[in-house]
C-alpha atoms as a PDB file:
ATOM      1  CA  MET A   1     141.878  92.916  87.434  1.00  0.00           C
ATOM      2  CA  LYS A   2     138.269  92.583  84.850  1.00  0.00           C
ATOM      3  CA  ARG A   3     137.318  89.335  86.957  1.00  0.00           C
ATOM      4  CA  VAL A   4     137.369  91.004  90.425  1.00  0.00           C
ATOM      5  CA  VAL A   5     135.355  93.760  89.131  1.00  0.00           C
ATOM      6  CA  LEU A   6     132.791  91.293  87.695  1.00  0.00           C
ATOM      7  CA  VAL A   7     132.901  89.047  90.683  1.00  0.00           C
ATOM      8  CA  ALA A   8     132.080  92.378  92.891  1.00  0.00           C
ATOM      9  CA  ARG A   9     129.058  93.340  90.763  1.00  0.00           C
ATOM     10  CA  GLY A  10     127.572  89.860  91.022  1.00  0.00           C
ATOM     11  CA  ASP A  11     128.038  90.010  94.745  1.00  0.00           C
ATOM     12  CA  ALA A  12     126.486  93.231  94.845  1.00  0.00           C
ATOM     13  CA  GLU A  13     123.205  92.270  93.604  1.00  0.00           C
ATOM     14  CA  ALA A  14     123.029  89.477  95.696  1.00  0.00           C
ATOM     15  CA  VAL A  15     123.703  91.691  99.071  1.00  0.00           C
ATOM     16  CA  MET A  16     121.158  94.021  97.832  1.00  0.00           C
ATOM     17  CA  MET A  17     118.257  91.432  97.601  1.00  0.00           C
ATOM     18  CA  GLY A  18     119.490  90.075 101.048  1.00  0.00           C
ATOM     19  CA  LEU A  19     119.318  93.638 102.478  1.00  0.00           C
ATOM     20  CA  GLY A  20     115.969  94.210 100.742  1.00  0.00           C
ATOM     21  CA  VAL A  21     114.399  90.840 102.267  1.00  0.00           C
ATOM     22  CA  PHE A  22     116.023  91.713 105.376  1.00  0.00           C
ATOM     23  CA  CYS A  23     114.513  95.106 105.507  1.00  0.00           C
ATOM     24  CA  VAL A  24     111.037  94.001 105.040  1.00  0.00           C
ATOM     25  CA  VAL A  25     111.193  91.156 107.405  1.00  0.00           C
ATOM     26  CA  ALA A  26     112.540  93.336 110.068  1.00  0.00           C
ATOM     27  CA  GLY A  27     109.970  96.111 109.201  1.00  0.00           C
ATOM     28  CA  ILE A  28     106.821  93.847 109.450  1.00  0.00           C
ATOM     29  CA  SER A  29     108.684  92.752 112.846  1.00  0.00           C
ATOM     30  CA  LEU A  30     108.866  96.071 114.150  1.00  0.00           C
ATOM     31  CA  ALA A  31     105.397  97.180 113.175  1.00  0.00           C
ATOM     32  CA  SER A  32     103.927  94.143 114.983  1.00  0.00           C
ATOM     33  CA  ALA A  33     105.828  94.514 117.891  1.00  0.00           C
ATOM     34  CA  SER A  34     103.830  97.660 118.650  1.00  0.00           C
ATOM     35  CA  LEU A  35     101.273  95.655 119.378  1.00  0.00           C
ATOM     36  CA  TRP A  36     102.696  94.519 122.605  1.00  0.00           C
ATOM     37  CA  ALA A  37     104.398  97.815 123.689  1.00  0.00           C
ATOM     38  CA  PRO A  38     101.711 100.288 123.274  1.00  0.00           C
ATOM     39  CA  ARG A  39     103.989 102.816 124.777  1.00  0.00           C
ATOM     40  CA  TYR A  40     106.375 102.803 121.788  1.00  0.00           C
ATOM     41  CA  ARG A  41     103.778 102.243 119.218  1.00  0.00           C
ATOM     42  CA  ALA A  42     104.024 105.434 117.144  1.00  0.00           C
ATOM     43  CA  LEU A  43     107.756 104.871 117.127  1.00  0.00           C
ATOM     44  CA  LEU A  44     107.778 101.417 116.281  1.00  0.00           C
ATOM     45  CA  GLU A  45     105.155 101.497 113.514  1.00  0.00           C
ATOM     46  CA  GLY A  46     106.970 104.302 111.926  1.00  0.00           C
ATOM     47  CA  MET A  47     110.539 102.591 112.257  1.00  0.00           C
ATOM     48  CA  GLY A  48     109.031  99.761 111.071  1.00  0.00           C
ATOM     49  CA  GLY A  49     107.050 101.373 108.211  1.00  0.00           C
ATOM     50  CA  CYS A  50     110.530 103.463 106.850  1.00  0.00           C
ATOM     51  CA  LEU A  51     112.494  99.872 107.099  1.00  0.00           C
ATOM     52  CA  PHE A  52     109.442  97.850 104.832  1.00  0.00           C
ATOM     53  CA  LEU A  53     109.796 100.662 102.164  1.00  0.00           C
ATOM     54  CA  VAL A  54     113.502 100.785 102.346  1.00  0.00           C
ATOM     55  CA  GLY A  55     113.430  96.846 101.785  1.00  0.00           C
ATOM     56  CA  LEU A  56     110.663  97.263  99.049  1.00  0.00           C
ATOM     57  CA  GLY A  57     113.194  99.742  97.522  1.00  0.00           C
ATOM     58  CA  CYS A  58     115.844  97.648  97.586  1.00  0.00           C
ATOM     59  CA  ALA A  59     114.481  94.539  96.308  1.00  0.00           C
ATOM     60  CA  GLY A  60     112.713  96.268  93.418  1.00  0.00           C
ATOM     61  CA  ALA A  61     115.857  98.078  92.315  1.00  0.00           C
ATOM     62  CA  ASP A  62     117.702  94.562  92.571  1.00  0.00           C
ATOM     63  CA  LEU A  63     115.329  93.172  90.105  1.00  0.00           C
ATOM     64  CA  ALA A  64     115.401  96.524  87.912  1.00  0.00           C
ATOM     65  CA  LEU A  65     119.075  95.895  87.721  1.00  0.00           C
ATOM     66  CA  ALA A  66     119.084  92.179  86.993  1.00  0.00           C
ATOM     67  CA  SER A  67     116.832  92.460  84.151  1.00  0.00           C
END
């Protein structure tokens, strides 16, 4: 039973880093997409900025947990 728990913890760190990188890329993409859609610029920049910050938080927390 302990082996399953240890494997799950290792996978959680990998998932957290993957989620962080995905959110950073998605945030940058949404913010840059606002240049082509001026009508939704404020919405896209807000969502992109939030995703970017969430991604930085997840990646930073993963690095802190890994050390």
